[in-house]
N, C-alpha and C. Protein backbone atom coordinates (compact mmCIF):
# COMPACT_ATOMS: atom_id res chain seq x y z
N MET A 1 88.80 -148.58 1.54
CA MET A 1 87.23 -148.88 0.80
C MET A 1 86.25 -148.00 1.80
N VAL A 2 86.52 -148.08 3.11
CA VAL A 2 85.44 -147.54 3.88
C VAL A 2 85.66 -146.05 3.89
N LEU A 3 86.53 -145.53 3.91
CA LEU A 3 86.83 -144.17 3.92
C LEU A 3 86.29 -143.42 2.76
N ALA A 4 86.62 -144.14 1.69
CA ALA A 4 86.30 -143.44 0.33
C ALA A 4 84.94 -142.71 0.02
N PRO A 5 83.97 -143.53 0.43
CA PRO A 5 82.59 -143.12 0.27
C PRO A 5 82.19 -141.74 1.38
N ALA A 6 83.14 -141.51 2.38
CA ALA A 6 82.91 -140.31 3.19
C ALA A 6 83.93 -139.19 2.66
N LEU A 7 85.35 -139.82 2.01
CA LEU A 7 86.17 -138.34 1.69
C LEU A 7 85.96 -138.07 0.32
N ALA A 8 85.38 -138.96 -0.54
CA ALA A 8 85.51 -138.57 -2.09
C ALA A 8 84.31 -137.68 -2.24
N PRO A 9 83.36 -137.43 -1.75
CA PRO A 9 82.47 -136.04 -2.29
C PRO A 9 82.90 -134.72 -1.68
N THR A 10 83.80 -134.92 -0.74
CA THR A 10 84.20 -133.77 -0.20
C THR A 10 85.34 -133.28 -1.26
N LEU A 11 86.19 -134.24 -1.42
CA LEU A 11 87.35 -133.78 -2.23
C LEU A 11 86.96 -133.69 -3.68
N GLY A 12 85.88 -134.40 -4.00
CA GLY A 12 85.44 -134.23 -5.41
C GLY A 12 84.87 -132.81 -5.68
N GLY A 13 84.15 -132.48 -4.72
CA GLY A 13 83.28 -131.29 -4.60
C GLY A 13 84.50 -129.93 -4.71
N ALA A 14 85.43 -130.18 -3.81
CA ALA A 14 86.67 -129.20 -3.65
C ALA A 14 87.25 -129.00 -4.99
N LEU A 15 87.68 -130.10 -5.71
CA LEU A 15 88.29 -130.42 -7.03
C LEU A 15 87.32 -129.78 -8.01
N VAL A 16 85.97 -129.95 -7.96
CA VAL A 16 85.01 -129.33 -9.35
C VAL A 16 85.11 -127.74 -8.80
N GLU A 17 84.93 -127.48 -7.57
CA GLU A 17 84.78 -126.17 -7.15
C GLU A 17 86.23 -125.01 -7.69
N PHE A 18 87.46 -125.73 -7.68
CA PHE A 18 88.65 -124.81 -7.91
C PHE A 18 89.11 -125.58 -9.10
N ALA A 19 88.85 -126.50 -9.76
CA ALA A 19 89.47 -126.87 -11.01
C ALA A 19 88.31 -127.13 -12.26
N GLY A 20 87.14 -127.23 -11.75
CA GLY A 20 86.07 -127.62 -13.02
C GLY A 20 85.91 -128.92 -12.93
N TRP A 21 84.81 -129.46 -13.45
CA TRP A 21 84.02 -130.58 -13.34
C TRP A 21 84.75 -131.49 -14.02
N ARG A 22 85.77 -130.98 -15.19
CA ARG A 22 86.33 -132.00 -15.90
C ARG A 22 87.64 -132.73 -15.45
N SER A 23 87.93 -131.74 -14.19
CA SER A 23 89.64 -132.26 -13.78
C SER A 23 89.10 -133.36 -13.09
N VAL A 24 87.77 -133.97 -12.71
CA VAL A 24 87.62 -135.12 -12.13
C VAL A 24 88.22 -136.49 -12.71
N PHE A 25 88.00 -136.11 -14.17
CA PHE A 25 88.34 -137.57 -14.82
C PHE A 25 89.84 -137.79 -14.81
N PHE A 26 90.65 -136.77 -14.61
CA PHE A 26 91.96 -136.54 -14.54
C PHE A 26 92.54 -137.67 -13.31
N VAL A 27 91.76 -137.56 -12.24
CA VAL A 27 91.90 -138.19 -11.19
C VAL A 27 92.00 -139.85 -11.18
N ALA A 28 91.15 -140.44 -11.90
CA ALA A 28 91.15 -141.83 -12.36
C ALA A 28 92.27 -141.99 -13.40
N ILE A 29 92.70 -141.34 -14.00
CA ILE A 29 93.92 -141.69 -14.89
C ILE A 29 95.03 -141.73 -14.30
N SER A 30 95.38 -140.58 -13.17
CA SER A 30 96.67 -140.63 -12.50
C SER A 30 96.60 -141.82 -11.70
N VAL A 31 95.65 -142.04 -11.18
CA VAL A 31 95.63 -143.27 -10.14
C VAL A 31 96.02 -144.80 -10.88
N CYS A 32 95.36 -144.67 -11.85
CA CYS A 32 95.47 -145.99 -12.55
C CYS A 32 96.77 -145.86 -13.61
N LEU A 33 97.51 -145.07 -13.84
CA LEU A 33 98.98 -144.82 -14.07
C LEU A 33 99.92 -145.15 -13.12
N ALA A 34 99.70 -144.64 -11.85
CA ALA A 34 100.39 -144.98 -10.68
C ALA A 34 100.28 -146.37 -10.40
N GLY A 35 98.96 -147.00 -10.31
CA GLY A 35 98.91 -148.43 -10.47
C GLY A 35 99.54 -149.50 -11.30
N ILE A 36 99.49 -149.00 -12.30
CA ILE A 36 100.29 -149.71 -13.37
C ILE A 36 101.71 -149.67 -13.33
N VAL A 37 102.33 -148.28 -12.85
CA VAL A 37 103.88 -148.34 -12.62
C VAL A 37 104.11 -149.29 -11.41
N ILE A 38 103.36 -149.15 -10.30
CA ILE A 38 103.68 -149.96 -9.07
C ILE A 38 103.65 -151.34 -9.29
N ALA A 39 102.33 -151.73 -10.10
CA ALA A 39 102.26 -153.31 -10.51
C ALA A 39 103.53 -153.68 -11.20
N LEU A 40 104.10 -152.93 -12.13
CA LEU A 40 105.05 -153.56 -12.90
C LEU A 40 106.43 -153.59 -12.14
N LYS A 41 106.62 -152.96 -11.12
CA LYS A 41 107.72 -153.09 -10.30
C LYS A 41 107.80 -154.00 -9.35
N ALA A 42 106.40 -154.12 -8.60
CA ALA A 42 106.43 -154.57 -7.33
C ALA A 42 105.96 -156.34 -7.43
N LEU A 43 104.94 -156.42 -8.44
CA LEU A 43 104.65 -157.78 -8.60
C LEU A 43 105.51 -158.63 -9.56
N PRO A 44 105.56 -159.87 -9.22
CA PRO A 44 106.68 -160.87 -9.84
C PRO A 44 105.89 -161.24 -11.26
N ASP A 45 106.42 -161.98 -12.15
CA ASP A 45 105.86 -162.41 -13.38
C ASP A 45 105.48 -163.99 -13.02
N ALA A 46 104.04 -163.95 -13.01
CA ALA A 46 103.53 -165.41 -12.29
C ALA A 46 103.50 -166.47 -13.64
N ARG A 47 103.73 -166.11 -14.54
CA ARG A 47 103.80 -166.92 -15.77
C ARG A 47 104.86 -168.20 -15.65
N PRO A 48 104.68 -169.16 -15.94
CA PRO A 48 105.66 -170.23 -15.79
C PRO A 48 106.42 -169.90 -17.17
N PRO A 49 107.85 -170.65 -17.22
CA PRO A 49 108.61 -170.11 -18.29
C PRO A 49 107.96 -170.99 -19.51
N GLY A 50 107.87 -170.43 -20.59
CA GLY A 50 107.60 -171.06 -21.84
C GLY A 50 105.85 -170.83 -21.77
N ALA A 51 105.27 -170.23 -20.68
CA ALA A 51 104.08 -169.75 -20.78
C ALA A 51 103.45 -168.79 -21.95
N GLY A 52 102.54 -168.91 -22.82
CA GLY A 52 102.33 -167.99 -23.77
C GLY A 52 100.61 -168.29 -23.92
N GLY A 53 100.59 -168.18 -25.28
CA GLY A 53 99.25 -168.41 -25.50
C GLY A 53 98.44 -167.17 -26.04
N ARG A 54 97.20 -167.43 -26.26
CA ARG A 54 96.35 -166.61 -27.14
C ARG A 54 95.35 -166.25 -25.78
N PHE A 55 94.86 -164.80 -25.97
CA PHE A 55 94.02 -164.26 -24.98
C PHE A 55 92.46 -164.99 -25.15
N ASP A 56 91.71 -165.58 -24.22
CA ASP A 56 90.68 -166.33 -24.26
C ASP A 56 89.74 -165.04 -24.60
N LEU A 57 89.46 -164.53 -25.63
CA LEU A 57 88.64 -163.62 -26.51
C LEU A 57 87.23 -163.96 -26.22
N LEU A 58 86.84 -165.35 -26.71
CA LEU A 58 85.36 -165.74 -26.60
C LEU A 58 84.87 -165.67 -25.08
N GLY A 59 85.97 -166.04 -24.40
CA GLY A 59 85.37 -166.13 -22.72
C GLY A 59 85.19 -164.83 -22.29
N PHE A 60 85.92 -163.97 -22.65
CA PHE A 60 86.03 -162.30 -22.53
C PHE A 60 84.77 -161.93 -22.92
N GLY A 61 84.33 -162.03 -24.10
CA GLY A 61 82.94 -161.64 -24.80
C GLY A 61 82.01 -162.12 -23.91
N LEU A 62 82.03 -163.45 -23.78
CA LEU A 62 80.64 -164.14 -23.12
C LEU A 62 80.40 -163.52 -21.51
N LEU A 63 81.66 -163.26 -21.00
CA LEU A 63 81.48 -162.55 -19.60
C LEU A 63 81.14 -161.35 -19.48
N ALA A 64 81.73 -160.53 -20.60
CA ALA A 64 81.31 -159.02 -20.70
C ALA A 64 79.70 -158.73 -20.97
N VAL A 65 79.23 -159.75 -22.08
CA VAL A 65 77.92 -159.65 -22.19
C VAL A 65 76.82 -159.76 -21.23
N ALA A 66 77.51 -161.25 -20.00
CA ALA A 66 76.64 -161.58 -18.99
C ALA A 66 76.97 -160.70 -17.91
N MET A 67 77.94 -159.84 -17.58
CA MET A 67 77.92 -158.88 -16.69
C MET A 67 77.12 -157.69 -17.05
N SER A 68 77.26 -157.32 -18.45
CA SER A 68 76.44 -156.05 -18.62
C SER A 68 74.84 -156.26 -18.78
N SER A 69 74.50 -157.26 -19.07
CA SER A 69 73.23 -157.90 -19.03
C SER A 69 72.44 -157.60 -17.57
N LEU A 70 73.49 -158.50 -16.90
CA LEU A 70 72.92 -158.26 -15.57
C LEU A 70 72.79 -157.12 -14.86
N ILE A 71 74.09 -156.19 -15.15
CA ILE A 71 73.63 -154.86 -14.69
C ILE A 71 72.66 -154.05 -15.41
N ALA A 72 72.26 -154.20 -16.63
CA ALA A 72 71.02 -153.75 -17.26
C ALA A 72 69.72 -154.39 -16.30
N VAL A 73 69.65 -155.39 -16.18
CA VAL A 73 68.52 -156.06 -15.12
C VAL A 73 68.26 -155.18 -14.12
N LEU A 74 69.53 -155.02 -13.36
CA LEU A 74 69.28 -154.42 -11.88
C LEU A 74 69.05 -153.05 -11.76
N SER A 75 69.49 -152.76 -13.18
CA SER A 75 69.36 -150.92 -13.26
C SER A 75 68.01 -150.48 -13.76
N MET A 76 67.23 -151.73 -14.66
CA MET A 76 66.22 -151.38 -15.23
C MET A 76 65.18 -151.90 -14.64
N GLY A 77 65.16 -152.63 -13.74
CA GLY A 77 64.22 -153.51 -12.81
C GLY A 77 63.09 -152.64 -12.12
N MET A 78 63.59 -151.55 -11.12
CA MET A 78 62.70 -150.53 -10.68
C MET A 78 61.97 -149.81 -11.71
N SER A 79 62.66 -149.33 -12.56
CA SER A 79 61.92 -148.12 -13.30
C SER A 79 61.07 -148.59 -14.40
N GLN A 80 61.45 -150.04 -15.03
CA GLN A 80 60.44 -150.40 -16.00
C GLN A 80 59.61 -151.39 -15.63
N GLY A 81 60.01 -152.10 -14.38
CA GLY A 81 59.11 -153.18 -14.08
C GLY A 81 60.11 -154.62 -14.08
N TRP A 82 60.15 -155.08 -13.15
CA TRP A 82 60.79 -156.52 -13.22
C TRP A 82 60.49 -157.38 -14.06
N LEU A 83 59.09 -157.41 -14.67
CA LEU A 83 58.40 -158.42 -15.23
C LEU A 83 58.23 -157.84 -16.92
N SER A 84 59.06 -156.66 -17.24
CA SER A 84 58.89 -155.91 -18.47
C SER A 84 59.52 -156.78 -19.69
N VAL A 85 59.41 -156.49 -20.78
CA VAL A 85 60.00 -157.53 -21.66
C VAL A 85 61.66 -157.04 -21.80
N GLN A 86 61.94 -155.84 -21.65
CA GLN A 86 63.02 -155.35 -21.79
C GLN A 86 64.05 -156.29 -20.47
N VAL A 87 63.62 -155.97 -19.52
CA VAL A 87 64.22 -156.68 -18.22
C VAL A 87 64.23 -158.18 -18.19
N LEU A 88 63.32 -158.76 -18.73
CA LEU A 88 63.23 -160.39 -18.83
C LEU A 88 64.26 -160.64 -19.97
N ALA A 89 64.37 -160.00 -21.11
CA ALA A 89 65.19 -160.23 -22.27
C ALA A 89 66.69 -160.03 -21.65
N ALA A 90 67.06 -159.08 -20.88
CA ALA A 90 68.16 -158.74 -20.38
C ALA A 90 68.88 -160.19 -19.52
N ALA A 91 67.58 -160.41 -18.48
CA ALA A 91 68.12 -161.47 -17.52
C ALA A 91 68.26 -162.62 -18.33
N VAL A 92 67.22 -163.03 -19.23
CA VAL A 92 67.57 -164.21 -20.14
C VAL A 92 68.97 -164.28 -20.65
N LEU A 93 69.19 -163.19 -21.35
CA LEU A 93 70.72 -162.76 -21.95
C LEU A 93 72.01 -163.20 -20.92
N ALA A 94 71.46 -162.57 -19.70
CA ALA A 94 72.70 -162.73 -18.64
C ALA A 94 72.73 -163.97 -18.42
N VAL A 95 71.83 -164.87 -18.03
CA VAL A 95 71.92 -166.42 -17.69
C VAL A 95 72.43 -167.09 -18.82
N ALA A 96 71.91 -167.04 -19.85
CA ALA A 96 72.51 -167.61 -21.27
C ALA A 96 73.93 -167.43 -21.51
N ALA A 97 74.38 -165.91 -21.42
CA ALA A 97 75.74 -165.71 -21.59
C ALA A 97 76.57 -166.46 -20.62
N GLY A 98 76.08 -166.26 -19.17
CA GLY A 98 76.74 -166.57 -18.08
C GLY A 98 76.74 -168.29 -18.09
N ALA A 99 75.89 -169.14 -18.64
CA ALA A 99 75.72 -170.56 -18.77
C ALA A 99 77.10 -170.84 -19.52
N CYS A 100 77.06 -170.07 -21.09
CA CYS A 100 77.86 -170.21 -22.04
C CYS A 100 79.44 -169.88 -21.53
N PHE A 101 79.71 -168.92 -20.70
CA PHE A 101 80.89 -168.93 -20.33
C PHE A 101 81.49 -169.82 -19.57
N LEU A 102 80.70 -170.36 -18.38
CA LEU A 102 80.94 -171.77 -17.75
C LEU A 102 81.37 -172.62 -18.38
N ALA A 103 80.41 -173.10 -19.49
CA ALA A 103 80.81 -174.31 -20.37
C ALA A 103 82.21 -174.09 -21.02
N TRP A 104 82.20 -172.85 -21.64
CA TRP A 104 83.31 -172.64 -22.40
C TRP A 104 84.62 -172.71 -21.59
N GLU A 105 84.66 -172.27 -20.40
CA GLU A 105 85.79 -172.07 -19.76
C GLU A 105 86.38 -173.56 -19.29
N ARG A 106 85.14 -174.03 -19.18
CA ARG A 106 85.58 -175.79 -18.53
C ARG A 106 86.29 -176.54 -19.77
N ARG A 107 85.98 -176.06 -20.96
CA ARG A 107 86.80 -176.79 -22.21
C ARG A 107 87.93 -176.21 -22.72
N VAL A 108 88.22 -174.94 -22.71
CA VAL A 108 89.08 -174.17 -23.32
C VAL A 108 90.47 -174.53 -22.70
N ALA A 109 91.43 -174.57 -23.42
CA ALA A 109 93.08 -175.08 -22.98
C ALA A 109 93.53 -174.07 -22.11
N ARG A 110 93.28 -172.60 -22.51
CA ARG A 110 93.82 -171.38 -21.23
C ARG A 110 92.77 -170.51 -21.29
N PRO A 111 91.95 -171.08 -19.89
CA PRO A 111 90.62 -170.48 -19.55
C PRO A 111 91.16 -168.91 -19.21
N LEU A 112 90.35 -167.96 -19.58
CA LEU A 112 90.32 -166.75 -18.90
C LEU A 112 90.22 -166.64 -17.38
N MET A 113 89.44 -167.56 -16.78
CA MET A 113 89.26 -167.63 -15.52
C MET A 113 89.43 -169.18 -15.05
N ASP A 114 90.13 -169.66 -14.32
CA ASP A 114 90.03 -171.14 -14.20
C ASP A 114 89.12 -171.21 -12.75
N LEU A 115 88.20 -172.18 -13.17
CA LEU A 115 87.29 -172.12 -12.26
C LEU A 115 87.33 -173.44 -11.29
N LYS A 116 88.39 -174.08 -11.49
CA LYS A 116 88.84 -175.32 -10.65
C LYS A 116 89.17 -174.88 -9.09
N ILE A 117 89.57 -173.56 -8.98
CA ILE A 117 90.19 -173.10 -7.83
C ILE A 117 88.86 -173.02 -7.05
N TYR A 118 87.94 -172.67 -7.24
CA TYR A 118 86.43 -172.93 -6.43
C TYR A 118 86.26 -173.96 -5.80
N ARG A 119 86.85 -175.18 -6.20
CA ARG A 119 86.69 -176.46 -5.76
C ARG A 119 87.35 -176.65 -4.23
N ALA A 120 88.23 -175.89 -4.22
CA ALA A 120 89.05 -175.86 -2.77
C ALA A 120 88.15 -175.25 -1.80
N PRO A 121 87.67 -176.10 -0.87
CA PRO A 121 86.91 -175.52 0.12
C PRO A 121 87.27 -174.31 0.86
N GLY A 122 88.46 -174.15 1.09
CA GLY A 122 89.01 -172.78 1.85
C GLY A 122 88.65 -171.63 1.10
N PHE A 123 88.95 -171.86 -0.37
CA PHE A 123 89.05 -170.62 -1.13
C PHE A 123 87.49 -170.59 -1.42
N GLY A 124 86.76 -171.26 -1.82
CA GLY A 124 85.26 -171.24 -1.93
C GLY A 124 84.63 -170.49 -0.98
N ALA A 125 84.79 -170.78 0.43
CA ALA A 125 84.22 -170.47 1.54
C ALA A 125 84.69 -168.92 1.73
N ALA A 126 85.99 -168.56 1.50
CA ALA A 126 86.43 -167.24 1.59
C ALA A 126 85.90 -166.30 0.50
N ALA A 127 85.63 -166.71 -0.63
CA ALA A 127 84.97 -166.11 -1.86
C ALA A 127 83.49 -165.84 -1.26
N LEU A 128 82.98 -166.70 -0.71
CA LEU A 128 81.37 -166.70 -0.35
C LEU A 128 81.35 -165.39 0.93
N CYS A 129 82.32 -165.70 1.68
CA CYS A 129 82.28 -164.61 2.70
C CYS A 129 82.57 -162.96 2.16
N SER A 130 83.57 -163.23 1.41
CA SER A 130 84.06 -161.82 0.77
C SER A 130 82.68 -161.24 0.03
N MET A 131 81.92 -162.08 -0.75
CA MET A 131 80.98 -161.51 -1.25
C MET A 131 79.85 -161.05 -0.68
N THR A 132 79.67 -161.91 0.60
CA THR A 132 78.69 -161.50 1.32
C THR A 132 79.19 -160.06 2.29
N LEU A 133 80.39 -159.93 2.34
CA LEU A 133 80.88 -158.60 3.18
C LEU A 133 80.68 -157.49 2.00
N GLY A 134 80.99 -157.69 0.97
CA GLY A 134 80.99 -156.79 -0.25
C GLY A 134 79.47 -156.36 -0.24
N LEU A 135 78.59 -157.43 -0.49
CA LEU A 135 77.11 -156.80 -0.72
C LEU A 135 76.59 -156.20 0.43
N GLY A 136 76.97 -156.76 1.57
CA GLY A 136 76.31 -155.69 2.76
C GLY A 136 76.96 -154.43 3.07
N LEU A 137 78.57 -154.18 2.78
CA LEU A 137 79.12 -153.10 2.94
C LEU A 137 78.96 -152.00 1.85
N PHE A 138 78.59 -152.39 0.57
CA PHE A 138 78.57 -151.75 -0.34
C PHE A 138 77.02 -151.24 -0.32
N GLY A 139 76.10 -152.43 -0.02
CA GLY A 139 74.80 -152.08 0.04
C GLY A 139 74.18 -151.30 0.78
N SER A 140 74.93 -151.02 2.09
CA SER A 140 74.51 -150.15 2.90
C SER A 140 75.03 -148.91 2.54
N THR A 141 76.42 -148.63 2.05
CA THR A 141 76.49 -147.25 1.70
C THR A 141 75.98 -146.56 0.68
N TYR A 142 75.05 -147.45 0.06
CA TYR A 142 74.44 -147.01 -0.98
C TYR A 142 73.13 -146.46 -0.60
N LEU A 143 72.51 -147.39 0.45
CA LEU A 143 71.20 -147.10 0.73
C LEU A 143 71.09 -146.01 2.06
N LEU A 144 72.20 -145.58 2.64
CA LEU A 144 72.09 -145.00 3.98
C LEU A 144 71.76 -143.39 3.49
N PRO A 145 72.50 -142.97 2.29
CA PRO A 145 72.36 -141.55 2.06
C PRO A 145 71.09 -141.18 1.49
N LEU A 146 70.25 -142.28 1.19
CA LEU A 146 68.62 -141.93 0.59
C LEU A 146 67.73 -141.50 1.60
N PRO A 147 66.82 -140.51 1.39
CA PRO A 147 65.67 -140.54 2.23
C PRO A 147 64.82 -141.71 2.32
N GLU A 148 64.14 -141.52 3.63
CA GLU A 148 63.52 -142.52 3.95
C GLU A 148 62.56 -142.91 3.14
N ASN A 149 61.90 -142.16 2.34
CA ASN A 149 60.53 -142.36 1.47
C ASN A 149 61.23 -142.84 0.40
N GLN A 150 62.51 -143.42 -0.05
CA GLN A 150 63.06 -143.48 -1.24
C GLN A 150 63.62 -145.35 -0.90
N VAL A 151 63.91 -145.66 0.08
CA VAL A 151 64.14 -147.07 0.63
C VAL A 151 63.19 -147.94 0.58
N ALA A 152 62.08 -147.66 0.94
CA ALA A 152 61.04 -148.94 0.64
C ALA A 152 60.82 -149.18 -0.80
């Protein structure tokens, strides 16, 4: 994760130069296929015997709406203004869908994400540390390449 921001532009540039810009999209496909094959071979089946059930489609939809709206808020905020109608509407939608997701996941028999795991102090602290590390690491890799006058 640390080397990718340094190596990817160079390797991507060489790939575009010698194979064309469309070739970049095949890199992701090959990595995904390799990951699927490795996961099928290496990971054990974690489902208990007799486990089945339906996919939590409503939970998935609520989470997708919440995350998409949050990304929209963060991407439109600077260009359209943080208090613009579009940004505020997306923020309200993100909070509402997120709250509905949390409420739904507590009630459904087979949740998309078992939220009880965050009650364990060790897991909750580790998740918070991991989130803080990710924000700092990826935030800095985003800001460092920008010219000085665009950072403020």
